[in-house]
Amino acid sequence: MTRFIYILGIETSCDETAASVVYNGRTVLSDVISSQIDIHRPYGGVVPEIASRNHIEKISFVINSALSISNIPRCKIDAVAVSNGPGLAGALLVGLSYAKSYAYALQKPLIGVNHIEGHICSNYLHSEWEPPYICLVVSGGHTHLVFAEDYGKYRVLGKTRDDAAGEAFDKIARVLGLPYPGGPEIEKLSANGNRDAINFPKAFFKDSLDFSFSGLKSAVMQYIIKTEKNSGYKPCDVAACFQKAVVDVLTERCVDACNLFGVKKLAVAGGVAANSSLRNNLLDLCKKQGIELMLPQIKYCTDNAAMIASCGYYSGKTDDLNLNAFPNISLFESGVLNG
C-alpha cells in the first residue's frame, strides 16, 4: 500500500506570506498566499522592514488556513519545509522561526529549502514531469540555466552577470512611469506596441551560456532620453521592443543549452515564466527544435509555498533546529547543486 507523505510548506522569502500542504511532492491540497503588492506599490518596490512586519502579522492566519483547506489534521503532517534563502533576511527569519516552532511542536522533521530550487520543483506540481531536463529559472532576483540531472542533483550552466531579467523589467517599467511590479505592466503595455520599431541590443557571450541585461537596460534608457529631446517616443513601442530583446535572449539560450547537452526536455520556472511572450516564443521554438517543453501553471510561477513543499519532498534531507537563514546564499553554497 502506498503511503502518502504530507508536507507543510512555508514561504516568506520576499513579499508573499505563503503556506501549502502537498502530498508526495506532486498533489497540492492547499495553496494560500497573502500578497503585499498593494502595500509596497507606493514605494516602487519591496521595503524589507515593512515586508517582515507584514509576514509576522499574517503567517499564523495563512498557515492555519492552508491546514484547514487541506483537510489534513496537524498530526498527519510528516514534515515542515521552509525556504531559508536566498531572500530578505528579516522576511526569511519570520518563516524559518515559525517553521522551527511548528516542527518542534509536532515532533516532525524540518527541511530547509533553497528558494531557487523551489522554483525548479514548481514543475512537479500536478504533473508527471521528471528529470533529466534543462530548466530556465527567471525571476526578479535570479536568471539561471540549470541542468536538472536527477531529483536534488543540478548543475548551473549559465547565469546573469549583472541584472536578473525580472529586475530589468522592473527598472524599465519605473523609467516608463509604470507601477510596481513592472513585469506584468510591461507585458500589458507591449500588447499595443510594435515589437520591431526599435532594435535594442542583445547580449550573447562566446563560449558561455551566461546572460547580461544591464547593457540592454542602459540602451533603453538612452533611447528614451534622446527621443524625449526630439520628437518623443511611444511607450508601448519601447515596452514591446525591450520585452522582445529579453525574450529572444532567454529563448535562444534555452535552446542552445538543450542542443549543447543533448537534452530534449526544457522547463521554465520563476515569476517571469508567467510572461505570455516568453511562453509563446518557447512553445514555437521548442516545437521547431523537437524539444519537449514544460510550463508550470501561472499561479506556481510566482513565489508560493507549494513549490517549497514539493522541493522538501524531493530533497532527501532533514535539518536540525539550528538551521539559519542565508539571504545571499547561492545554489552552490547551499549544497543543493552537484557537479
C-alpha atoms as a PDB file:
ATOM      1  CA  MET A   1       0.000   0.000   0.000  1.00  0.00           C
ATOM      2  CA  THR A   2       1.380   3.411  -0.997  1.00  0.00           C
ATOM      3  CA  ARG A   3       1.977   5.762   1.921  1.00  0.00           C
ATOM      4  CA  PHE A   4       1.209   9.401   1.282  1.00  0.00           C
ATOM      5  CA  ILE A   5       3.735  11.891   2.638  1.00  0.00           C
ATOM      6  CA  TYR A   6       2.130  15.179   3.659  1.00  0.00           C
ATOM      7  CA  ILE A   7       4.455  18.164   3.807  1.00  0.00           C
ATOM      8  CA  LEU A   8       3.597  21.615   5.086  1.00  0.00           C
ATOM      9  CA  GLY A   9       5.463  24.221   3.043  1.00  0.00           C
ATOM     10  CA  ILE A  10       6.170  27.755   4.294  1.00  0.00           C
ATOM     11  CA  GLU A  11       7.461  30.613   2.127  1.00  0.00           C
ATOM     12  CA  THR A  12       8.364  34.154   3.313  1.00  0.00           C
ATOM     13  CA  SER A  13      11.493  34.985   1.328  1.00  0.00           C
ATOM     14  CA  CYS A  14      10.233  38.312  -0.022  1.00  0.00           C
ATOM     15  CA  ASP A  15       6.767  39.875  -0.078  1.00  0.00           C
ATOM     16  CA  GLU A  16       4.418  36.873  -0.139  1.00  0.00           C
ATOM     17  CA  THR A  17       3.393  35.069   3.026  1.00  0.00           C
ATOM     18  CA  ALA A  18       2.504  31.586   1.816  1.00  0.00           C
ATOM     19  CA  ALA A  19       1.677  28.136   3.162  1.00  0.00           C
ATOM     20  CA  SER A  20       0.706  24.929   1.394  1.00  0.00           C
ATOM     21  CA  VAL A  21       0.064  21.264   2.081  1.00  0.00           C
ATOM     22  CA  VAL A  22       1.361  18.928  -0.642  1.00  0.00           C
ATOM     23  CA  TYR A  23       1.441  15.144  -0.644  1.00  0.00           C
ATOM     24  CA  ASN A  24       4.065  13.046  -2.365  1.00  0.00           C
ATOM     25  CA  GLY A  25       5.610  16.177  -3.813  1.00  0.00           C
ATOM     26  CA  ARG A  26       3.010  16.440  -6.572  1.00  0.00           C
ATOM     27  CA  THR A  27      -0.557  16.996  -5.445  1.00  0.00           C
ATOM     28  CA  VAL A  28      -1.404  20.363  -3.909  1.00  0.00           C
ATOM     29  CA  LEU A  29      -4.095  20.074  -1.240  1.00  0.00           C
ATOM     30  CA  SER A  30      -3.972  23.757  -0.309  1.00  0.00           C
ATOM     31  CA  ASP A  31      -2.103  26.818  -1.500  1.00  0.00           C
ATOM     32  CA  VAL A  32      -2.662  30.016   0.483  1.00  0.00           C
ATOM     33  CA  ILE A  33      -0.840  33.262  -0.349  1.00  0.00           C
ATOM     34  CA  SER A  34      -1.101  36.673   1.293  1.00  0.00           C
ATOM     35  CA  SER A  35       0.429  39.154  -1.160  1.00  0.00           C
ATOM     36  CA  GLN A  36       1.943  42.501  -0.178  1.00  0.00           C
ATOM     37  CA  ILE A  37       1.942  44.062  -3.664  1.00  0.00           C
ATOM     38  CA  ASP A  38      -0.539  46.798  -2.750  1.00  0.00           C
ATOM     39  CA  ILE A  39       1.460  47.647   0.384  1.00  0.00           C
ATOM     40  CA  HIS A  40       4.764  48.104  -1.461  1.00  0.00           C
ATOM     41  CA  ARG A  41       3.421  49.653  -4.681  1.00  0.00           C
ATOM     42  CA  PRO A  42       3.587  53.272  -3.390  1.00  0.00           C
ATOM     43  CA  TYR A  43       7.336  52.784  -2.763  1.00  0.00           C
ATOM     44  CA  GLY A  44       8.062  51.370  -6.230  1.00  0.00           C
ATOM     45  CA  GLY A  45       9.497  48.154  -4.780  1.00  0.00           C
ATOM     46  CA  VAL A  46       9.682  45.928  -1.718  1.00  0.00           C
ATOM     47  CA  VAL A  47      10.612  47.650   1.560  1.00  0.00           C
ATOM     48  CA  PRO A  48      12.321  44.916   3.679  1.00  0.00           C
ATOM     49  CA  GLU A  49      11.210  46.170   7.103  1.00  0.00           C
ATOM     50  CA  ILE A  50       7.587  46.525   6.013  1.00  0.00           C
ATOM     51  CA  ALA A  51       7.702  43.070   4.431  1.00  0.00           C
ATOM     52  CA  SER A  52       8.988  41.460   7.635  1.00  0.00           C
ATOM     53  CA  ARG A  53       6.347  43.091   9.818  1.00  0.00           C
ATOM     54  CA  ASN A  54       3.574  42.041   7.448  1.00  0.00           C
ATOM     55  CA  HIS A  55       4.828  38.443   7.489  1.00  0.00           C
ATOM     56  CA  ILE A  56       4.606  38.460  11.289  1.00  0.00           C
ATOM     57  CA  GLU A  57       1.028  39.716  11.123  1.00  0.00           C
ATOM     58  CA  LYS A  58      -0.143  37.196   8.505  1.00  0.00           C
ATOM     59  CA  ILE A  59       1.800  33.975   8.970  1.00  0.00           C
ATOM     60  CA  SER A  60      -0.388  32.330  11.633  1.00  0.00           C
ATOM     61  CA  PHE A  61      -3.553  33.002   9.643  1.00  0.00           C
ATOM     62  CA  VAL A  62      -2.015  31.771   6.379  1.00  0.00           C
ATOM     63  CA  ILE A  63      -0.718  28.505   7.862  1.00  0.00           C
ATOM     64  CA  ASN A  64      -3.953  27.784   9.705  1.00  0.00           C
ATOM     65  CA  SER A  65      -5.904  28.460   6.504  1.00  0.00           C
ATOM     66  CA  ALA A  66      -3.677  26.096   4.498  1.00  0.00           C
ATOM     67  CA  LEU A  67      -4.198  23.299   7.012  1.00  0.00           C
ATOM     68  CA  SER A  68      -7.944  23.907   7.171  1.00  0.00           C
ATOM     69  CA  ILE A  69      -8.370  23.901   3.384  1.00  0.00           C
ATOM     70  CA  SER A  70      -6.291  20.734   3.003  1.00  0.00           C
ATOM     71  CA  ASN A  71      -8.469  18.823   5.484  1.00  0.00           C
ATOM     72  CA  ILE A  72      -5.281  17.250   6.821  1.00  0.00           C
ATOM     73  CA  PRO A  73      -5.032  17.407  10.629  1.00  0.00           C
ATOM     74  CA  ARG A  74      -1.782  18.642  12.134  1.00  0.00           C
ATOM     75  CA  CYS A  75      -0.953  15.185  13.456  1.00  0.00           C
ATOM     76  CA  LYS A  76      -0.868  13.860   9.881  1.00  0.00           C
ATOM     77  CA  ILE A  77       1.792  16.317   8.710  1.00  0.00           C
ATOM     78  CA  ASP A  78       5.005  14.351   8.095  1.00  0.00           C
ATOM     79  CA  ALA A  79       7.466  17.263   7.753  1.00  0.00           C
ATOM     80  CA  VAL A  80       7.717  21.051   7.606  1.00  0.00           C
ATOM     81  CA  ALA A  81       9.614  22.569   4.668  1.00  0.00           C
ATOM     82  CA  VAL A  82      10.609  26.233   4.676  1.00  0.00           C
ATOM     83  CA  SER A  83      12.625  28.476   2.395  1.00  0.00           C
ATOM     84  CA  ASN A  84      15.769  29.637   4.238  1.00  0.00           C
ATOM     85  CA  GLY A  85      17.495  31.538   1.404  1.00  0.00           C
ATOM     86  CA  PRO A  86      18.123  33.411  -0.729  1.00  0.00           C
ATOM     87  CA  GLY A  87      15.826  36.320   0.096  1.00  0.00           C
ATOM     88  CA  LEU A  88      15.340  39.217   2.504  1.00  0.00           C
ATOM     89  CA  ALA A  89      16.957  38.455   5.872  1.00  0.00           C
ATOM     90  CA  GLY A  90      14.122  39.620   8.108  1.00  0.00           C
ATOM     91  CA  ALA A  91      11.454  38.065   5.908  1.00  0.00           C
ATOM     92  CA  LEU A  92      13.225  34.690   5.807  1.00  0.00           C
ATOM     93  CA  LEU A  93      13.623  34.649   9.593  1.00  0.00           C
ATOM     94  CA  VAL A  94       9.885  35.044  10.145  1.00  0.00           C
ATOM     95  CA  GLY A  95       9.062  31.912   8.156  1.00  0.00           C
ATOM     96  CA  LEU A  96      12.050  29.983   9.463  1.00  0.00           C
ATOM     97  CA  SER A  97      11.268  30.750  13.116  1.00  0.00           C
ATOM     98  CA  TYR A  98       7.650  29.725  12.672  1.00  0.00           C
ATOM     99  CA  ALA A  99       8.638  26.532  10.831  1.00  0.00           C
ATOM    100  CA  LYS A 100      11.078  25.561  13.594  1.00  0.00           C
ATOM    101  CA  SER A 101       8.417  26.070  16.243  1.00  0.00           C
ATOM    102  CA  TYR A 102       5.879  24.099  14.258  1.00  0.00           C
ATOM    103  CA  ALA A 103       8.255  21.205  13.597  1.00  0.00           C
ATOM    104  CA  TYR A 104       9.287  21.105  17.249  1.00  0.00           C
ATOM    105  CA  ALA A 105       5.696  21.170  18.493  1.00  0.00           C
ATOM    106  CA  LEU A 106       4.664  18.378  16.116  1.00  0.00           C
ATOM    107  CA  GLN A 107       7.937  16.460  16.666  1.00  0.00           C
ATOM    108  CA  LYS A 108       8.326  16.277  12.887  1.00  0.00           C
ATOM    109  CA  PRO A 109      11.367  16.799  10.634  1.00  0.00           C
ATOM    110  CA  LEU A 110      12.370  20.276   9.496  1.00  0.00           C
ATOM    111  CA  ILE A 111      13.571  20.729   5.913  1.00  0.00           C
ATOM    112  CA  GLY A 112      15.354  23.886   4.775  1.00  0.00           C
ATOM    113  CA  VAL A 113      14.757  24.643   1.095  1.00  0.00           C
ATOM    114  CA  ASN A 114      16.795  26.764  -1.299  1.00  0.00           C
ATOM    115  CA  HIS A 115      14.269  29.177  -2.804  1.00  0.00           C
ATOM    116  CA  ILE A 116      15.712  28.825  -6.323  1.00  0.00           C
ATOM    117  CA  GLU A 117      15.471  25.038  -6.207  1.00  0.00           C
ATOM    118  CA  GLY A 118      11.909  25.514  -5.005  1.00  0.00           C
ATOM    119  CA  HIS A 119      11.095  27.325  -8.238  1.00  0.00           C
ATOM    120  CA  ILE A 120      12.560  24.435 -10.225  1.00  0.00           C
ATOM    121  CA  CYS A 121      10.322  21.994  -8.336  1.00  0.00           C
ATOM    122  CA  SER A 122       7.210  24.005  -9.242  1.00  0.00           C
ATOM    123  CA  ASN A 123       7.261  21.963 -12.452  1.00  0.00           C
ATOM    124  CA  TYR A 124       6.367  18.817 -10.484  1.00  0.00           C
ATOM    125  CA  LEU A 125       3.094  20.200  -9.133  1.00  0.00           C
ATOM    126  CA  HIS A 126       0.099  18.441 -10.664  1.00  0.00           C
ATOM    127  CA  SER A 127       2.300  16.917 -13.376  1.00  0.00           C
ATOM    128  CA  GLU A 128       4.313  13.810 -14.231  1.00  0.00           C
ATOM    129  CA  TRP A 129       7.403  15.803 -15.242  1.00  0.00           C
ATOM    130  CA  GLU A 130      10.678  14.111 -14.302  1.00  0.00           C
ATOM    131  CA  PRO A 131      14.428  14.688 -14.683  1.00  0.00           C
ATOM    132  CA  PRO A 132      16.664  14.926 -16.632  1.00  0.00           C
ATOM    133  CA  TYR A 133      15.886  18.304 -18.198  1.00  0.00           C
ATOM    134  CA  ILE A 134      17.209  21.825 -18.684  1.00  0.00           C
ATOM    135  CA  CYS A 135      15.455  24.477 -16.579  1.00  0.00           C
ATOM    136  CA  LEU A 136      15.386  28.235 -17.047  1.00  0.00           C
ATOM    137  CA  VAL A 137      14.863  29.930 -13.676  1.00  0.00           C
ATOM    138  CA  VAL A 138      13.929  33.521 -14.395  1.00  0.00           C
ATOM    139  CA  SER A 139      12.591  35.973 -11.812  1.00  0.00           C
ATOM    140  CA  GLY A 140      13.117  39.387 -10.258  1.00  0.00           C
ATOM    141  CA  GLY A 141      16.248  38.282  -8.450  1.00  0.00           C
ATOM    142  CA  HIS A 142      17.551  35.333 -10.470  1.00  0.00           C
ATOM    143  CA  THR A 143      18.263  34.239 -14.025  1.00  0.00           C
ATOM    144  CA  HIS A 144      19.813  30.772 -14.171  1.00  0.00           C
ATOM    145  CA  LEU A 145      20.084  27.981 -16.716  1.00  0.00           C
ATOM    146  CA  VAL A 146      20.207  24.738 -14.748  1.00  0.00           C
ATOM    147  CA  PHE A 147      20.692  21.136 -15.827  1.00  0.00           C
ATOM    148  CA  ALA A 148      18.456  19.017 -13.583  1.00  0.00           C
ATOM    149  CA  GLU A 149      20.199  15.663 -13.880  1.00  0.00           C
ATOM    150  CA  ASP A 150      18.070  13.994 -11.200  1.00  0.00           C
ATOM    151  CA  TYR A 151      15.944  14.934  -8.190  1.00  0.00           C
ATOM    152  CA  GLY A 152      18.156  17.081  -5.979  1.00  0.00           C
ATOM    153  CA  LYS A 153      21.085  16.943  -8.417  1.00  0.00           C
ATOM    154  CA  TYR A 154      21.665  20.007 -10.565  1.00  0.00           C
ATOM    155  CA  ARG A 155      24.352  21.803 -12.500  1.00  0.00           C
ATOM    156  CA  VAL A 156      24.327  25.553 -13.230  1.00  0.00           C
ATOM    157  CA  LEU A 157      25.073  26.033 -16.923  1.00  0.00           C
ATOM    158  CA  GLY A 158      24.692  29.791 -17.054  1.00  0.00           C
ATOM    159  CA  LYS A 159      23.510  32.759 -15.041  1.00  0.00           C
ATOM    160  CA  THR A 160      23.215  36.519 -15.291  1.00  0.00           C
ATOM    161  CA  ARG A 161      26.396  38.523 -14.898  1.00  0.00           C
ATOM    162  CA  ASP A 162      24.509  41.614 -13.741  1.00  0.00           C
ATOM    163  CA  ASP A 163      20.758  42.306 -13.639  1.00  0.00           C
ATOM    164  CA  ALA A 164      18.250  39.479 -13.469  1.00  0.00           C
ATOM    165  CA  ALA A 165      15.638  39.565 -16.234  1.00  0.00           C
ATOM    166  CA  GLY A 166      12.819  40.408 -13.831  1.00  0.00           C
ATOM    167  CA  GLU A 167      14.899  43.159 -12.253  1.00  0.00           C
ATOM    168  CA  ALA A 168      15.431  44.688 -15.697  1.00  0.00           C
ATOM    169  CA  PHE A 169      11.669  44.582 -16.312  1.00  0.00           C
ATOM    170  CA  ASP A 170      11.033  46.441 -13.042  1.00  0.00           C
ATOM    171  CA  LYS A 171      13.666  49.102 -13.767  1.00  0.00           C
ATOM    172  CA  ILE A 172      12.438  49.842 -17.289  1.00  0.00           C
ATOM    173  CA  ALA A 173       8.857  49.921 -16.039  1.00  0.00           C
ATOM    174  CA  ARG A 174       9.890  52.557 -13.488  1.00  0.00           C
ATOM    175  CA  VAL A 175      11.513  54.668 -16.232  1.00  0.00           C
ATOM    176  CA  LEU A 176       8.298  54.430 -18.250  1.00  0.00           C
ATOM    177  CA  GLY A 177       6.283  55.577 -15.243  1.00  0.00           C
ATOM    178  CA  LEU A 178       4.563  52.222 -14.744  1.00  0.00           C
ATOM    179  CA  PRO A 179       3.588  50.945 -11.276  1.00  0.00           C
ATOM    180  CA  TYR A 180       5.274  48.133  -9.339  1.00  0.00           C
ATOM    181  CA  PRO A 181       5.593  45.253 -10.084  1.00  0.00           C
ATOM    182  CA  GLY A 182       6.904  46.173 -13.509  1.00  0.00           C
ATOM    183  CA  GLY A 183       6.856  42.841 -15.339  1.00  0.00           C
ATOM    184  CA  PRO A 184       3.078  42.488 -15.767  1.00  0.00           C
ATOM    185  CA  GLU A 185       2.779  46.212 -16.578  1.00  0.00           C
ATOM    186  CA  ILE A 186       5.416  45.984 -19.332  1.00  0.00           C
ATOM    187  CA  GLU A 187       3.590  42.970 -20.754  1.00  0.00           C
ATOM    188  CA  LYS A 188       0.247  44.805 -20.822  1.00  0.00           C
ATOM    189  CA  LEU A 189       1.735  47.918 -22.422  1.00  0.00           C
ATOM    190  CA  SER A 190       3.573  45.798 -25.004  1.00  0.00           C
ATOM    191  CA  ALA A 191       0.324  44.446 -26.370  1.00  0.00           C
ATOM    192  CA  ASN A 192      -0.297  47.775 -28.146  1.00  0.00           C
ATOM    193  CA  GLY A 193       3.289  48.276 -29.339  1.00  0.00           C
ATOM    194  CA  ASN A 194       5.306  47.470 -32.437  1.00  0.00           C
ATOM    195  CA  ARG A 195       7.955  44.951 -31.363  1.00  0.00           C
ATOM    196  CA  ASP A 196      10.057  45.746 -34.463  1.00  0.00           C
ATOM    197  CA  ALA A 197      10.037  49.545 -34.108  1.00  0.00           C
ATOM    198  CA  ILE A 198      13.361  49.754 -32.225  1.00  0.00           C
ATOM    199  CA  ASN A 199      16.382  47.492 -32.480  1.00  0.00           C
ATOM    200  CA  PHE A 200      17.655  47.179 -28.908  1.00  0.00           C
ATOM    201  CA  PRO A 201      20.906  45.225 -28.325  1.00  0.00           C
ATOM    202  CA  LYS A 202      21.009  41.612 -27.191  1.00  0.00           C
ATOM    203  CA  ALA A 203      23.965  40.258 -25.227  1.00  0.00           C
ATOM    204  CA  PHE A 204      25.398  36.863 -26.170  1.00  0.00           C
ATOM    205  CA  PHE A 205      28.720  35.619 -24.788  1.00  0.00           C
ATOM    206  CA  LYS A 206      31.033  33.464 -26.850  1.00  0.00           C
ATOM    207  CA  ASP A 207      31.574  30.018 -25.309  1.00  0.00           C
ATOM    208  CA  SER A 208      29.194  30.820 -22.426  1.00  0.00           C
ATOM    209  CA  LEU A 209      25.524  30.390 -21.616  1.00  0.00           C
ATOM    210  CA  ASP A 210      25.563  33.401 -19.276  1.00  0.00           C
ATOM    211  CA  PHE A 211      23.134  36.314 -19.563  1.00  0.00           C
ATOM    212  CA  SER A 212      23.516  40.084 -19.294  1.00  0.00           C
ATOM    213  CA  PHE A 213      20.737  42.669 -19.262  1.00  0.00           C
ATOM    214  CA  SER A 214      22.477  45.791 -17.955  1.00  0.00           C
ATOM    215  CA  GLY A 215      23.539  46.890 -21.457  1.00  0.00           C
ATOM    216  CA  LEU A 216      20.005  46.464 -22.761  1.00  0.00           C
ATOM    217  CA  LYS A 217      18.647  48.432 -19.809  1.00  0.00           C
ATOM    218  CA  SER A 218      21.110  51.268 -20.466  1.00  0.00           C
ATOM    219  CA  ALA A 219      20.280  51.290 -24.185  1.00  0.00           C
ATOM    220  CA  VAL A 220      16.561  51.641 -23.439  1.00  0.00           C
ATOM    221  CA  MET A 221      17.190  54.497 -21.018  1.00  0.00           C
ATOM    222  CA  GLN A 222      19.461  56.289 -23.501  1.00  0.00           C
ATOM    223  CA  TYR A 223      16.861  55.893 -26.224  1.00  0.00           C
ATOM    224  CA  ILE A 224      14.185  57.443 -24.006  1.00  0.00           C
ATOM    225  CA  ILE A 225      16.443  60.380 -23.045  1.00  0.00           C
ATOM    226  CA  LYS A 226      17.447  61.006 -26.667  1.00  0.00           C
ATOM    227  CA  THR A 227      13.954  60.829 -28.167  1.00  0.00           C
ATOM    228  CA  GLU A 228      12.412  62.940 -25.393  1.00  0.00           C
ATOM    229  CA  LYS A 229      14.611  65.838 -26.560  1.00  0.00           C
ATOM    230  CA  ASN A 230      13.380  65.447 -30.114  1.00  0.00           C
ATOM    231  CA  SER A 231      10.072  64.058 -31.276  1.00  0.00           C
ATOM    232  CA  GLY A 232       9.314  61.963 -28.208  1.00  0.00           C
ATOM    233  CA  TYR A 233       8.711  58.226 -28.041  1.00  0.00           C
ATOM    234  CA  LYS A 234       5.851  55.763 -27.888  1.00  0.00           C
ATOM    235  CA  PRO A 235       5.958  53.942 -24.529  1.00  0.00           C
ATOM    236  CA  CYS A 236       4.149  50.942 -25.968  1.00  0.00           C
ATOM    237  CA  ASP A 237       6.826  50.530 -28.669  1.00  0.00           C
ATOM    238  CA  VAL A 238       9.640  50.846 -26.126  1.00  0.00           C
ATOM    239  CA  ALA A 239       7.976  48.246 -23.891  1.00  0.00           C
ATOM    240  CA  ALA A 240       7.348  45.845 -26.787  1.00  0.00           C
ATOM    241  CA  CYS A 241      10.889  46.101 -28.174  1.00  0.00           C
ATOM    242  CA  PHE A 242      12.508  45.818 -24.744  1.00  0.00           C
ATOM    243  CA  GLN A 243      10.410  42.737 -23.932  1.00  0.00           C
ATOM    244  CA  LYS A 244      11.280  41.184 -27.313  1.00  0.00           C
ATOM    245  CA  ALA A 245      15.005  41.692 -26.689  1.00  0.00           C
ATOM    246  CA  VAL A 246      14.825  39.984 -23.282  1.00  0.00           C
ATOM    247  CA  VAL A 247      12.634  37.136 -24.502  1.00  0.00           C
ATOM    248  CA  ASP A 248      14.771  36.472 -27.589  1.00  0.00           C
ATOM    249  CA  VAL A 249      17.914  36.086 -25.472  1.00  0.00           C
ATOM    250  CA  LEU A 250      16.202  33.814 -22.945  1.00  0.00           C
ATOM    251  CA  THR A 251      14.635  31.525 -25.546  1.00  0.00           C
ATOM    252  CA  GLU A 252      17.747  31.252 -27.711  1.00  0.00           C
ATOM    253  CA  ARG A 253      19.948  30.424 -24.727  1.00  0.00           C
ATOM    254  CA  CYS A 254      17.479  27.720 -23.598  1.00  0.00           C
ATOM    255  CA  VAL A 255      17.572  26.019 -26.977  1.00  0.00           C
ATOM    256  CA  ASP A 256      21.382  26.386 -27.118  1.00  0.00           C
ATOM    257  CA  ALA A 257      21.656  24.606 -23.759  1.00  0.00           C
ATOM    258  CA  CYS A 258      19.354  21.768 -24.829  1.00  0.00           C
ATOM    259  CA  ASN A 259      21.285  21.201 -28.051  1.00  0.00           C
ATOM    260  CA  LEU A 260      24.699  21.541 -26.409  1.00  0.00           C
ATOM    261  CA  PHE A 261      23.956  18.924 -23.740  1.00  0.00           C
ATOM    262  CA  GLY A 262      21.758  16.709 -25.905  1.00  0.00           C
ATOM    263  CA  VAL A 263      18.744  17.098 -23.617  1.00  0.00           C
ATOM    264  CA  LYS A 264      15.426  17.431 -25.410  1.00  0.00           C
ATOM    265  CA  LYS A 265      13.414  18.440 -22.360  1.00  0.00           C
ATOM    266  CA  LEU A 266      13.082  22.049 -21.176  1.00  0.00           C
ATOM    267  CA  ALA A 267      11.260  23.524 -18.184  1.00  0.00           C
ATOM    268  CA  VAL A 268      10.782  27.121 -17.062  1.00  0.00           C
ATOM    269  CA  ALA A 269      10.285  28.500 -13.548  1.00  0.00           C
ATOM    270  CA  GLY A 270      10.099  31.804 -11.684  1.00  0.00           C
ATOM    271  CA  GLY A 271       7.948  34.920 -11.888  1.00  0.00           C
ATOM    272  CA  VAL A 272       8.984  35.877 -15.431  1.00  0.00           C
ATOM    273  CA  ALA A 273       7.851  32.395 -16.559  1.00  0.00           C
ATOM    274  CA  ALA A 274       4.319  33.825 -16.393  1.00  0.00           C
ATOM    275  CA  ASN A 275       5.132  36.241 -19.244  1.00  0.00           C
ATOM    276  CA  SER A 276       2.979  35.264 -22.235  1.00  0.00           C
ATOM    277  CA  SER A 277       5.526  36.417 -24.809  1.00  0.00           C
ATOM    278  CA  LEU A 278       8.210  34.186 -23.264  1.00  0.00           C
ATOM    279  CA  ARG A 279       5.830  31.242 -23.047  1.00  0.00           C
ATOM    280  CA  ASN A 280       4.654  31.626 -26.665  1.00  0.00           C
ATOM    281  CA  ASN A 281       8.184  32.054 -28.015  1.00  0.00           C
ATOM    282  CA  LEU A 282       9.350  28.953 -26.197  1.00  0.00           C
ATOM    283  CA  LEU A 283       6.364  26.956 -27.436  1.00  0.00           C
ATOM    284  CA  ASP A 284       7.105  27.926 -31.046  1.00  0.00           C
ATOM    285  CA  LEU A 285      10.865  27.431 -30.890  1.00  0.00           C
ATOM    286  CA  CYS A 286      10.715  24.150 -28.954  1.00  0.00           C
ATOM    287  CA  LYS A 287       8.192  22.764 -31.427  1.00  0.00           C
ATOM    288  CA  LYS A 288      10.564  23.569 -34.315  1.00  0.00           C
ATOM    289  CA  GLN A 289      13.532  22.048 -32.464  1.00  0.00           C
ATOM    290  CA  GLY A 290      11.709  18.922 -31.269  1.00  0.00           C
ATOM    291  CA  ILE A 291      12.155  19.853 -27.599  1.00  0.00           C
ATOM    292  CA  GLU A 292       9.577  18.792 -25.012  1.00  0.00           C
ATOM    293  CA  LEU A 293       8.542  21.890 -23.031  1.00  0.00           C
ATOM    294  CA  MET A 294       7.140  22.089 -19.504  1.00  0.00           C
ATOM    295  CA  LEU A 295       5.434  25.333 -18.475  1.00  0.00           C
ATOM    296  CA  PRO A 296       4.148  25.411 -14.880  1.00  0.00           C
ATOM    297  CA  GLN A 297       0.721  26.793 -14.135  1.00  0.00           C
ATOM    298  CA  ILE A 298       0.773  30.584 -13.917  1.00  0.00           C
ATOM    299  CA  LYS A 299      -0.097  30.536 -10.198  1.00  0.00           C
ATOM    300  CA  TYR A 300       3.011  28.459  -9.453  1.00  0.00           C
ATOM    301  CA  CYS A 301       5.409  30.786 -11.325  1.00  0.00           C
ATOM    302  CA  THR A 302       5.482  33.472  -8.643  1.00  0.00           C
ATOM    303  CA  ASP A 303       6.565  32.775  -5.048  1.00  0.00           C
ATOM    304  CA  ASN A 304       4.397  30.143  -3.393  1.00  0.00           C
ATOM    305  CA  ALA A 305       4.696  27.504  -0.679  1.00  0.00           C
ATOM    306  CA  ALA A 306       3.577  24.542  -2.788  1.00  0.00           C
ATOM    307  CA  MET A 307       6.903  24.586  -4.624  1.00  0.00           C
ATOM    308  CA  ILE A 308       8.711  24.692  -1.251  1.00  0.00           C
ATOM    309  CA  ALA A 309       6.789  21.650  -0.022  1.00  0.00           C
ATOM    310  CA  SER A 310       7.487  19.776  -3.260  1.00  0.00           C
ATOM    311  CA  CYS A 311      11.181  20.598  -3.014  1.00  0.00           C
ATOM    312  CA  GLY A 312      11.208  19.422   0.590  1.00  0.00           C
ATOM    313  CA  TYR A 313       9.776  16.093  -0.521  1.00  0.00           C
ATOM    314  CA  TYR A 314      12.429  15.551  -3.198  1.00  0.00           C
ATOM    315  CA  SER A 315      15.385  16.948  -1.238  1.00  0.00           C
ATOM    316  CA  GLY A 316      16.047  13.704   0.596  1.00  0.00           C
ATOM    317  CA  LYS A 317      17.352  15.518   3.673  1.00  0.00           C
ATOM    318  CA  THR A 318      16.317  16.985   7.007  1.00  0.00           C
ATOM    319  CA  ASP A 319      17.776  19.787   9.129  1.00  0.00           C
ATOM    320  CA  ASP A 320      18.088  20.385  12.861  1.00  0.00           C
ATOM    321  CA  LEU A 321      16.629  23.322  14.760  1.00  0.00           C
ATOM    322  CA  ASN A 322      19.902  25.252  14.417  1.00  0.00           C
ATOM    323  CA  LEU A 323      19.068  25.873  10.744  1.00  0.00           C
ATOM    324  CA  ASN A 324      19.715  29.515   9.886  1.00  0.00           C
ATOM    325  CA  ALA A 325      18.577  31.913   7.168  1.00  0.00           C
ATOM    326  CA  PHE A 326      21.059  32.722   4.379  1.00  0.00           C
ATOM    327  CA  PRO A 327      19.844  35.810   2.484  1.00  0.00           C
ATOM    328  CA  ASN A 328      22.613  35.780  -0.142  1.00  0.00           C
ATOM    329  CA  ILE A 329      23.259  32.082  -0.492  1.00  0.00           C
ATOM    330  CA  SER A 330      23.878  30.736  -3.983  1.00  0.00           C
ATOM    331  CA  LEU A 331      22.904  27.362  -5.340  1.00  0.00           C
ATOM    332  CA  PHE A 332      26.435  26.009  -4.972  1.00  0.00           C
ATOM    333  CA  GLU A 333      26.913  27.336  -1.430  1.00  0.00           C
ATOM    334  CA  SER A 334      23.676  25.730  -0.308  1.00  0.00           C
ATOM    335  CA  GLY A 335      24.980  22.299  -1.193  1.00  0.00           C
ATOM    336  CA  VAL A 336      21.956  21.783  -3.421  1.00  0.00           C
ATOM    337  CA  LEU A 337      23.902  21.533  -6.632  1.00  0.00           C
ATOM    338  CA  ASN A 338      26.363  18.833  -7.511  1.00  0.00           C
ATOM    339  CA  GLY A 339      28.810  18.914 -10.410  1.00  0.00           C
END
